[in-house]
């Protein structure tokens, strides 16, 4: 006798649908990301979300700005892009 597949409960199906919904909701239509850029700012450094004009936070030292950007990137499963004083990219850290 062939083995039959176990039937899935409506709770399993509902939880799968909710998971798919939230995964698709993270991908916005405009393609905005949560990538965090550490950029030079006045006499210090700033953290700025990719695509934003406003900065998220200001710091006197680059290492404190990097730590803040890392915390945000871990939370949103994004990248940290670290810039040099001249604006070129020094490093990129992925938290996917």
N, C-alpha and C. Protein backbone atom coordinates (compact mmCIF):
# COMPACT_ATOMS: atom_id res chain seq x y z
N UNK A 1 0.83 -1.17 0.00
CA UNK A 1 0.00 0.00 0.00
C UNK A 1 0.89 1.25 0.00
N UNK A 2 0.64 2.23 -0.90
CA UNK A 2 1.48 3.43 -0.96
C UNK A 2 1.29 4.29 0.30
N UNK A 3 2.40 4.92 0.67
CA UNK A 3 2.37 5.75 1.87
C UNK A 3 1.71 7.10 1.53
N UNK A 4 0.76 7.52 2.32
CA UNK A 4 0.06 8.78 2.04
C UNK A 4 0.75 9.91 2.78
N UNK A 5 0.65 11.11 2.21
CA UNK A 5 1.23 12.28 2.84
C UNK A 5 0.34 12.72 3.99
N UNK A 6 0.95 13.14 5.08
CA UNK A 6 0.12 13.64 6.19
C UNK A 6 -0.53 14.96 5.79
N UNK A 7 -1.75 15.14 6.20
CA UNK A 7 -2.44 16.38 5.87
C UNK A 7 -1.94 17.50 6.77
N UNK A 8 -1.89 18.70 6.20
CA UNK A 8 -1.43 19.85 6.96
C UNK A 8 -2.63 20.50 7.64
N UNK A 9 -2.42 20.95 8.83
CA UNK A 9 -3.51 21.61 9.55
C UNK A 9 -3.67 23.04 9.04
N UNK A 10 -4.81 23.61 9.32
CA UNK A 10 -5.05 24.99 8.88
C UNK A 10 -4.14 25.96 9.60
N UNK A 11 -3.66 25.60 10.78
CA UNK A 11 -2.73 26.48 11.51
C UNK A 11 -1.38 26.51 10.80
N UNK A 12 -0.92 25.36 10.31
CA UNK A 12 0.34 25.31 9.56
C UNK A 12 0.25 26.14 8.28
N UNK A 13 -0.87 26.01 7.59
CA UNK A 13 -1.06 26.77 6.35
C UNK A 13 -1.13 28.27 6.64
N UNK A 14 -1.85 28.64 7.69
CA UNK A 14 -1.97 30.05 8.05
C UNK A 14 -0.62 30.63 8.45
N UNK A 15 0.15 29.90 9.23
CA UNK A 15 1.46 30.41 9.64
C UNK A 15 2.40 30.56 8.44
N UNK A 16 2.31 29.65 7.48
CA UNK A 16 3.12 29.76 6.27
C UNK A 16 2.72 30.98 5.46
N UNK A 17 1.43 31.24 5.34
CA UNK A 17 0.95 32.42 4.61
C UNK A 17 1.41 33.71 5.29
N UNK A 18 1.37 33.75 6.60
CA UNK A 18 1.82 34.94 7.32
C UNK A 18 3.31 35.17 7.11
N UNK A 19 4.08 34.10 7.13
CA UNK A 19 5.51 34.21 6.91
C UNK A 19 5.81 34.74 5.51
N UNK A 20 5.13 34.23 4.52
CA UNK A 20 5.32 34.70 3.14
C UNK A 20 4.94 36.18 3.02
N UNK A 21 3.85 36.57 3.68
CA UNK A 21 3.41 37.96 3.63
C UNK A 21 4.47 38.89 4.20
N UNK A 22 5.01 38.56 5.38
CA UNK A 22 6.00 39.43 6.00
C UNK A 22 7.31 39.46 5.23
N UNK A 23 7.68 38.35 4.63
CA UNK A 23 8.89 38.36 3.80
C UNK A 23 8.72 39.28 2.59
N UNK A 24 7.55 39.24 1.97
CA UNK A 24 7.31 40.08 0.81
C UNK A 24 7.13 41.54 1.21
N UNK A 25 6.64 41.79 2.41
CA UNK A 25 6.45 43.17 2.87
C UNK A 25 7.79 43.85 3.10
N UNK A 26 8.83 43.08 3.43
CA UNK A 26 10.16 43.67 3.63
C UNK A 26 10.74 44.22 2.34
N UNK A 27 10.32 43.67 1.22
CA UNK A 27 10.82 44.13 -0.07
C UNK A 27 9.87 45.21 -0.58
N UNK A 28 10.23 46.47 -0.33
CA UNK A 28 9.36 47.56 -0.72
C UNK A 28 9.42 47.79 -2.21
N UNK A 29 8.41 48.46 -2.72
CA UNK A 29 8.32 48.71 -4.16
C UNK A 29 9.42 49.65 -4.63
N UNK A 30 9.80 50.60 -3.78
CA UNK A 30 10.83 51.55 -4.17
C UNK A 30 12.22 50.97 -4.02
N UNK A 31 12.33 49.81 -3.44
CA UNK A 31 13.62 49.17 -3.32
C UNK A 31 14.50 49.75 -2.22
N UNK A 32 13.91 50.45 -1.24
CA UNK A 32 14.68 51.01 -0.15
C UNK A 32 15.25 49.90 0.70
N UNK A 33 16.43 50.14 1.20
CA UNK A 33 17.10 49.15 2.03
C UNK A 33 17.39 49.75 3.39
N UNK A 34 17.88 48.92 4.28
CA UNK A 34 18.29 49.36 5.61
C UNK A 34 19.81 49.45 5.71
N UNK A 35 20.50 49.44 4.57
CA UNK A 35 21.96 49.55 4.61
C UNK A 35 22.36 50.85 5.30
N UNK A 36 23.36 50.74 6.17
CA UNK A 36 23.82 51.89 6.96
C UNK A 36 25.19 52.34 6.45
N UNK A 37 25.31 53.63 6.16
CA UNK A 37 26.56 54.20 5.69
C UNK A 37 27.20 55.01 6.81
N UNK A 38 28.49 54.79 7.03
CA UNK A 38 29.27 55.60 7.97
C UNK A 38 30.03 56.60 7.10
N UNK A 39 29.67 57.88 7.24
CA UNK A 39 30.19 58.92 6.34
C UNK A 39 30.81 60.06 7.14
N UNK A 40 31.79 60.76 6.53
CA UNK A 40 32.35 61.94 7.20
C UNK A 40 31.27 63.03 7.31
N UNK A 41 31.26 63.73 8.45
CA UNK A 41 30.24 64.75 8.68
C UNK A 41 30.84 65.86 9.53
N UNK A 42 30.94 67.06 8.99
CA UNK A 42 31.53 68.21 9.67
C UNK A 42 32.87 67.82 10.29
N UNK A 43 33.01 67.90 11.61
CA UNK A 43 34.27 67.55 12.27
C UNK A 43 34.27 66.12 12.81
N UNK A 44 33.33 65.30 12.39
CA UNK A 44 33.25 63.94 12.91
C UNK A 44 32.72 62.98 11.87
N UNK A 45 31.86 62.06 12.34
CA UNK A 45 31.32 61.02 11.49
C UNK A 45 29.82 60.89 11.73
N UNK A 46 29.11 60.38 10.76
CA UNK A 46 27.67 60.21 10.89
C UNK A 46 27.26 58.85 10.33
N UNK A 47 26.12 58.37 10.82
CA UNK A 47 25.50 57.16 10.29
C UNK A 47 24.28 57.62 9.52
N UNK A 48 24.16 57.14 8.29
CA UNK A 48 23.04 57.53 7.44
C UNK A 48 22.48 56.29 6.76
N UNK A 49 21.17 56.13 6.80
CA UNK A 49 20.52 55.03 6.11
C UNK A 49 20.59 55.29 4.61
N UNK A 50 20.83 54.25 3.85
CA UNK A 50 20.94 54.38 2.41
C UNK A 50 19.67 54.98 1.83
N UNK A 51 19.83 56.03 1.05
CA UNK A 51 18.70 56.69 0.42
C UNK A 51 18.15 57.87 1.21
N UNK A 52 18.55 58.02 2.47
CA UNK A 52 18.07 59.13 3.29
C UNK A 52 18.95 60.36 3.12
N UNK A 53 18.35 61.53 3.18
CA UNK A 53 19.12 62.77 3.20
C UNK A 53 19.54 63.10 4.62
N UNK A 54 18.65 62.82 5.57
CA UNK A 54 18.96 63.11 6.97
C UNK A 54 19.86 62.02 7.55
N UNK A 55 20.66 62.42 8.54
CA UNK A 55 21.53 61.45 9.18
C UNK A 55 20.79 60.81 10.35
N UNK A 56 21.19 59.59 10.68
CA UNK A 56 20.60 58.86 11.80
C UNK A 56 21.24 59.29 13.11
N UNK A 57 22.58 59.41 13.12
CA UNK A 57 23.28 59.82 14.33
C UNK A 57 24.63 60.45 13.98
N UNK A 58 25.11 61.34 14.88
CA UNK A 58 26.41 62.01 14.71
C UNK A 58 27.36 61.50 15.79
N UNK A 59 28.65 61.38 15.41
CA UNK A 59 29.65 60.87 16.35
C UNK A 59 30.96 61.62 16.16
N UNK A 60 31.72 61.75 17.24
CA UNK A 60 33.04 62.40 17.15
C UNK A 60 34.07 61.46 16.53
N UNK A 61 33.93 60.17 16.80
CA UNK A 61 34.91 59.19 16.31
C UNK A 61 34.26 58.21 15.34
N UNK A 62 35.04 57.74 14.40
CA UNK A 62 34.53 56.81 13.40
C UNK A 62 34.17 55.46 14.01
N UNK A 63 34.93 54.99 14.98
CA UNK A 63 34.64 53.67 15.55
C UNK A 63 33.29 53.65 16.29
N UNK A 64 32.90 54.75 16.93
CA UNK A 64 31.58 54.77 17.58
C UNK A 64 30.47 54.81 16.54
N UNK A 65 30.71 55.50 15.43
CA UNK A 65 29.72 55.52 14.34
C UNK A 65 29.58 54.12 13.73
N UNK A 66 30.69 53.42 13.59
CA UNK A 66 30.66 52.05 13.04
C UNK A 66 29.88 51.13 13.96
N UNK A 67 30.10 51.25 15.27
CA UNK A 67 29.36 50.40 16.22
C UNK A 67 27.85 50.64 16.14
N UNK A 68 27.44 51.90 16.03
CA UNK A 68 26.02 52.23 15.90
C UNK A 68 25.46 51.64 14.60
N UNK A 69 26.19 51.80 13.51
CA UNK A 69 25.75 51.27 12.22
C UNK A 69 25.64 49.75 12.26
N UNK A 70 26.57 49.10 12.93
CA UNK A 70 26.53 47.64 13.05
C UNK A 70 25.29 47.18 13.81
N UNK A 71 24.96 47.88 14.90
CA UNK A 71 23.76 47.52 15.67
C UNK A 71 22.51 47.61 14.80
N UNK A 72 22.38 48.70 14.05
CA UNK A 72 21.22 48.87 13.18
C UNK A 72 21.19 47.83 12.07
N UNK A 73 22.35 47.55 11.48
CA UNK A 73 22.42 46.59 10.38
C UNK A 73 22.07 45.18 10.85
N UNK A 74 22.53 44.80 12.04
CA UNK A 74 22.17 43.49 12.59
C UNK A 74 20.67 43.39 12.80
N UNK A 75 20.08 44.45 13.31
CA UNK A 75 18.64 44.46 13.60
C UNK A 75 17.82 44.27 12.33
N UNK A 76 18.23 44.92 11.24
CA UNK A 76 17.46 44.88 10.00
C UNK A 76 18.07 43.97 8.94
N UNK A 77 19.08 43.18 9.32
CA UNK A 77 19.74 42.26 8.38
C UNK A 77 20.18 42.99 7.12
N UNK A 78 20.99 43.99 7.32
CA UNK A 78 21.45 44.85 6.23
C UNK A 78 22.98 44.90 6.21
N UNK A 79 23.53 45.82 5.44
CA UNK A 79 24.97 45.98 5.31
C UNK A 79 25.41 47.27 5.99
N UNK A 80 26.68 47.30 6.38
CA UNK A 80 27.32 48.52 6.85
C UNK A 80 28.36 48.89 5.81
N UNK A 81 28.26 50.10 5.27
CA UNK A 81 29.22 50.59 4.28
C UNK A 81 30.03 51.69 4.96
N UNK A 82 31.32 51.46 5.12
CA UNK A 82 32.19 52.41 5.82
C UNK A 82 32.96 53.21 4.77
N UNK A 83 32.87 54.53 4.89
CA UNK A 83 33.54 55.44 3.96
C UNK A 83 34.80 56.02 4.59
N UNK A 84 35.74 56.41 3.72
CA UNK A 84 36.94 57.12 4.17
C UNK A 84 36.61 58.61 4.30
N UNK A 85 37.57 59.37 4.78
CA UNK A 85 37.39 60.81 4.94
C UNK A 85 37.09 61.50 3.60
N UNK A 86 37.65 60.96 2.51
CA UNK A 86 37.41 61.57 1.19
C UNK A 86 36.11 61.08 0.55
N UNK A 87 35.37 60.19 1.22
CA UNK A 87 34.08 59.73 0.72
C UNK A 87 34.10 58.40 -0.01
N UNK A 88 35.29 57.91 -0.35
CA UNK A 88 35.36 56.62 -1.03
C UNK A 88 35.05 55.49 -0.03
N UNK A 89 34.64 54.37 -0.55
CA UNK A 89 34.26 53.24 0.32
C UNK A 89 35.50 52.49 0.79
N UNK A 90 35.59 52.31 2.10
CA UNK A 90 36.72 51.62 2.73
C UNK A 90 36.40 50.14 2.95
N UNK A 91 35.17 49.86 3.41
CA UNK A 91 34.82 48.49 3.78
C UNK A 91 33.32 48.31 3.72
N UNK A 92 32.90 47.05 3.60
CA UNK A 92 31.48 46.72 3.62
C UNK A 92 31.31 45.45 4.47
N UNK A 93 30.39 45.50 5.43
CA UNK A 93 30.12 44.38 6.31
C UNK A 93 28.68 43.94 6.10
N UNK A 94 28.50 42.64 5.87
CA UNK A 94 27.17 42.10 5.57
C UNK A 94 26.59 41.39 6.78
N UNK A 95 25.32 41.67 7.09
CA UNK A 95 24.63 41.02 8.20
C UNK A 95 23.37 40.31 7.74
N UNK A 96 23.40 39.70 6.57
CA UNK A 96 22.22 38.96 6.07
C UNK A 96 21.96 37.72 6.86
